[in-house]
Every structure is written in C-alpha cells, then in structure tokens.
Amino acid sequence: MLSSIGIPGLILILVIVLILFGPSKLPEIGKAVGRTLTEFKSATRELTKDEYEGKRAPVVPAETVAASPAKTDEIKSLS
C-alpha cells in the first residue's frame, strides 16, 4: 500500500500537513500518534497472548503420566 506512494508523495503529504496544522502543533500530533500506536500494540499483544494461552493444552506432570498404567492398557487394546 505505502510502496506505491513514493518519496515525492510523502513530501507532498508532509507539506500539506505542515500547512494545515502549522509547526507548533506538529510535535503534539506526533506525540498523540505515538501514544496511540503504543496503546494499539499493547492491546494487540494482550489479545494475542490471551488467545495463545487459551489454545495451549494443560500441562500434566511427567510423574502422573508415567504412573498411569490404565492409559497404556487402553492404547494396547486399540492396536
């Protein structure tokens, strides 16, 4: 999407923004955009972390698995 804009297009956009908002407002706009992107990234991380944790299988200790002969008998009977 942005690859089709090119350098001349970006310069034109920056000039228009400078004319519209003036040099005194640009730092404030930059800070607001930065904060918005930071909040968006943290919210996205939380959503993906919650989704990933929800899909993980429960962890079963190795001692429990090794001490359960019923499971191996069921597997042998299915073969």
N, C-alpha and C. Protein backbone atom coordinates (compact mmCIF):
# COMPACT_ATOMS: atom_id res chain seq x y z
N MET A 1 0.82 -1.18 0.00
CA MET A 1 0.00 0.00 0.00
C MET A 1 0.87 1.25 0.00
N LEU A 2 1.79 1.38 0.94
CA LEU A 2 2.63 2.55 1.01
C LEU A 2 3.74 2.55 -0.03
N SER A 3 4.04 1.41 -0.59
CA SER A 3 5.11 1.36 -1.59
C SER A 3 4.73 2.09 -2.87
N SER A 4 3.46 2.27 -3.13
CA SER A 4 3.03 2.98 -4.33
C SER A 4 3.04 4.50 -4.16
N ILE A 5 3.19 4.99 -2.92
CA ILE A 5 3.19 6.44 -2.69
C ILE A 5 4.50 7.04 -3.17
N GLY A 6 5.62 6.53 -2.72
CA GLY A 6 6.91 7.03 -3.15
C GLY A 6 7.36 8.25 -2.36
N ILE A 7 8.59 8.66 -2.60
CA ILE A 7 9.18 9.79 -1.89
C ILE A 7 8.48 11.11 -2.23
N PRO A 8 8.22 11.42 -3.52
CA PRO A 8 7.53 12.68 -3.82
C PRO A 8 6.14 12.77 -3.16
N GLY A 9 5.44 11.66 -3.11
CA GLY A 9 4.13 11.65 -2.46
C GLY A 9 4.22 11.92 -0.98
N LEU A 10 5.21 11.33 -0.32
CA LEU A 10 5.40 11.56 1.11
C LEU A 10 5.75 13.01 1.39
N ILE A 11 6.60 13.60 0.56
CA ILE A 11 6.97 15.01 0.74
C ILE A 11 5.74 15.89 0.57
N LEU A 12 4.91 15.59 -0.41
CA LEU A 12 3.69 16.36 -0.62
C LEU A 12 2.75 16.26 0.58
N ILE A 13 2.60 15.07 1.11
CA ILE A 13 1.75 14.87 2.29
C ILE A 13 2.29 15.65 3.48
N LEU A 14 3.61 15.61 3.70
CA LEU A 14 4.21 16.35 4.82
C LEU A 14 4.02 17.86 4.66
N VAL A 15 4.14 18.38 3.46
CA VAL A 15 3.95 19.81 3.22
C VAL A 15 2.50 20.20 3.50
N ILE A 16 1.55 19.39 3.07
CA ILE A 16 0.14 19.68 3.32
C ILE A 16 -0.16 19.65 4.81
N VAL A 17 0.38 18.68 5.53
CA VAL A 17 0.17 18.59 6.97
C VAL A 17 0.78 19.81 7.66
N LEU A 18 1.96 20.23 7.23
CA LEU A 18 2.62 21.40 7.81
C LEU A 18 1.78 22.66 7.59
N ILE A 19 1.19 22.79 6.40
CA ILE A 19 0.35 23.96 6.10
C ILE A 19 -0.93 23.93 6.93
N LEU A 20 -1.55 22.78 7.06
CA LEU A 20 -2.82 22.67 7.79
C LEU A 20 -2.67 22.92 9.29
N PHE A 21 -1.65 22.30 9.89
CA PHE A 21 -1.54 22.34 11.35
C PHE A 21 -0.52 23.35 11.86
N GLY A 22 0.42 23.73 11.06
CA GLY A 22 1.43 24.67 11.49
C GLY A 22 2.54 23.97 12.27
N PRO A 23 3.70 24.62 12.35
CA PRO A 23 4.85 23.98 13.00
C PRO A 23 4.70 23.82 14.52
N SER A 24 3.84 24.61 15.15
CA SER A 24 3.70 24.50 16.61
C SER A 24 2.88 23.28 17.02
N LYS A 25 1.97 22.84 16.18
CA LYS A 25 1.11 21.69 16.51
C LYS A 25 1.72 20.35 16.13
N LEU A 26 2.69 20.33 15.25
CA LEU A 26 3.25 19.05 14.78
C LEU A 26 3.84 18.19 15.90
N PRO A 27 4.60 18.74 16.86
CA PRO A 27 5.09 17.88 17.95
C PRO A 27 3.97 17.25 18.77
N GLU A 28 2.90 18.01 19.01
CA GLU A 28 1.77 17.47 19.76
C GLU A 28 1.09 16.34 18.98
N ILE A 29 0.94 16.52 17.69
CA ILE A 29 0.32 15.50 16.85
C ILE A 29 1.20 14.25 16.83
N GLY A 30 2.51 14.44 16.73
CA GLY A 30 3.44 13.31 16.75
C GLY A 30 3.36 12.52 18.04
N LYS A 31 3.29 13.22 19.17
CA LYS A 31 3.17 12.54 20.47
C LYS A 31 1.86 11.76 20.56
N ALA A 32 0.77 12.38 20.09
CA ALA A 32 -0.53 11.71 20.14
C ALA A 32 -0.53 10.45 19.27
N VAL A 33 0.07 10.55 18.09
CA VAL A 33 0.14 9.38 17.21
C VAL A 33 1.00 8.30 17.86
N GLY A 34 2.11 8.68 18.47
CA GLY A 34 2.98 7.72 19.15
C GLY A 34 2.27 7.01 20.29
N ARG A 35 1.54 7.77 21.10
CA ARG A 35 0.79 7.15 22.20
C ARG A 35 -0.28 6.20 21.68
N THR A 36 -0.95 6.60 20.63
CA THR A 36 -2.00 5.75 20.04
C THR A 36 -1.41 4.44 19.53
N LEU A 37 -0.27 4.52 18.83
CA LEU A 37 0.36 3.29 18.33
C LEU A 37 0.83 2.41 19.47
N THR A 38 1.37 3.01 20.54
CA THR A 38 1.82 2.23 21.69
C THR A 38 0.65 1.50 22.35
N GLU A 39 -0.47 2.20 22.54
CA GLU A 39 -1.65 1.56 23.13
C GLU A 39 -2.19 0.45 22.23
N PHE A 40 -2.19 0.69 20.93
CA PHE A 40 -2.66 -0.32 19.99
C PHE A 40 -1.78 -1.57 20.05
N LYS A 41 -0.45 -1.37 20.09
CA LYS A 41 0.46 -2.52 20.16
C LYS A 41 0.27 -3.31 21.46
N SER A 42 0.12 -2.61 22.58
CA SER A 42 -0.05 -3.33 23.85
C SER A 42 -1.39 -4.07 23.87
N ALA A 43 -2.44 -3.46 23.34
CA ALA A 43 -3.74 -4.15 23.29
C ALA A 43 -3.67 -5.37 22.38
N THR A 44 -2.96 -5.25 21.27
CA THR A 44 -2.81 -6.38 20.35
C THR A 44 -2.02 -7.51 21.01
N ARG A 45 -0.97 -7.16 21.73
CA ARG A 45 -0.19 -8.18 22.44
C ARG A 45 -1.03 -8.90 23.47
N GLU A 46 -1.85 -8.14 24.22
CA GLU A 46 -2.71 -8.77 25.23
C GLU A 46 -3.71 -9.72 24.59
N LEU A 47 -4.30 -9.32 23.47
CA LEU A 47 -5.27 -10.19 22.80
C LEU A 47 -4.61 -11.46 22.27
N THR A 48 -3.45 -11.31 21.64
CA THR A 48 -2.79 -12.50 21.11
C THR A 48 -2.27 -13.38 22.22
N LYS A 49 -1.83 -12.78 23.33
CA LYS A 49 -1.36 -13.57 24.46
C LYS A 49 -2.52 -14.36 25.06
N ASP A 50 -3.67 -13.71 25.24
CA ASP A 50 -4.84 -14.40 25.78
C ASP A 50 -5.28 -15.53 24.85
N GLU A 51 -5.26 -15.26 23.55
CA GLU A 51 -5.67 -16.28 22.59
C GLU A 51 -4.71 -17.46 22.60
N TYR A 52 -3.42 -17.17 22.66
CA TYR A 52 -2.41 -18.23 22.68
C TYR A 52 -2.52 -19.05 23.94
N GLU A 53 -2.73 -18.40 25.10
CA GLU A 53 -2.84 -19.15 26.35
C GLU A 53 -4.10 -20.00 26.38
N GLY A 54 -5.14 -19.56 25.72
CA GLY A 54 -6.38 -20.33 25.69
C GLY A 54 -6.28 -21.59 24.85
N LYS A 55 -5.38 -21.62 23.87
CA LYS A 55 -5.24 -22.77 22.99
C LYS A 55 -4.24 -23.80 23.49
N ARG A 56 -3.45 -23.45 24.47
CA ARG A 56 -2.45 -24.40 24.96
C ARG A 56 -3.11 -25.55 25.70
N ALA A 57 -2.56 -26.72 25.54
CA ALA A 57 -3.06 -27.89 26.25
C ALA A 57 -2.61 -27.82 27.70
N PRO A 58 -3.39 -28.35 28.62
CA PRO A 58 -2.97 -28.32 30.02
C PRO A 58 -1.70 -29.14 30.22
N VAL A 59 -0.87 -28.64 31.10
CA VAL A 59 0.41 -29.30 31.37
C VAL A 59 0.17 -30.38 32.42
N VAL A 60 0.56 -31.61 32.11
CA VAL A 60 0.42 -32.74 33.02
C VAL A 60 1.82 -33.15 33.46
N PRO A 61 2.06 -33.24 34.78
CA PRO A 61 3.39 -33.64 35.24
C PRO A 61 3.75 -35.03 34.71
N ALA A 62 5.04 -35.24 34.47
CA ALA A 62 5.52 -36.50 33.91
C ALA A 62 5.27 -37.67 34.86
N GLU A 63 5.31 -37.41 36.15
CA GLU A 63 5.09 -38.49 37.12
C GLU A 63 3.67 -39.03 37.00
N THR A 64 2.72 -38.16 36.74
CA THR A 64 1.33 -38.58 36.62
C THR A 64 1.14 -39.44 35.37
N VAL A 65 1.74 -39.04 34.29
CA VAL A 65 1.62 -39.78 33.04
C VAL A 65 2.30 -41.14 33.16
N ALA A 66 3.48 -41.19 33.75
CA ALA A 66 4.23 -42.43 33.86
C ALA A 66 3.57 -43.40 34.84
N ALA A 67 2.87 -42.88 35.85
CA ALA A 67 2.27 -43.74 36.87
C ALA A 67 0.87 -44.21 36.49
N SER A 68 0.41 -43.91 35.31
CA SER A 68 -0.93 -44.27 34.92
C SER A 68 -0.91 -45.45 33.95
N PRO A 69 -0.98 -46.70 34.46
CA PRO A 69 -0.94 -47.87 33.58
C PRO A 69 -2.25 -48.05 32.80
N ALA A 70 -3.34 -47.46 33.25
CA ALA A 70 -4.62 -47.64 32.55
C ALA A 70 -4.55 -47.07 31.15
N LYS A 71 -3.86 -45.98 30.97
CA LYS A 71 -3.76 -45.36 29.65
C LYS A 71 -3.00 -46.27 28.68
N THR A 72 -1.92 -46.88 29.13
CA THR A 72 -1.16 -47.75 28.25
C THR A 72 -1.96 -49.01 27.89
N ASP A 73 -2.76 -49.52 28.81
CA ASP A 73 -3.61 -50.68 28.53
C ASP A 73 -4.68 -50.33 27.48
N GLU A 74 -5.23 -49.11 27.58
CA GLU A 74 -6.23 -48.69 26.60
C GLU A 74 -5.61 -48.57 25.22
N ILE A 75 -4.41 -48.05 25.15
CA ILE A 75 -3.72 -47.89 23.86
C ILE A 75 -3.40 -49.26 23.27
N LYS A 76 -2.96 -50.20 24.09
CA LYS A 76 -2.64 -51.53 23.60
C LYS A 76 -3.88 -52.24 23.08
N SER A 77 -5.02 -52.03 23.75
CA SER A 77 -6.23 -52.70 23.32
C SER A 77 -6.77 -52.12 22.01
N LEU A 78 -6.46 -50.88 21.72
CA LEU A 78 -6.90 -50.27 20.46
C LEU A 78 -6.07 -50.76 19.28
N SER A 79 -4.87 -51.22 19.51
CA SER A 79 -3.98 -51.63 18.41
C SER A 79 -4.37 -52.93 17.80
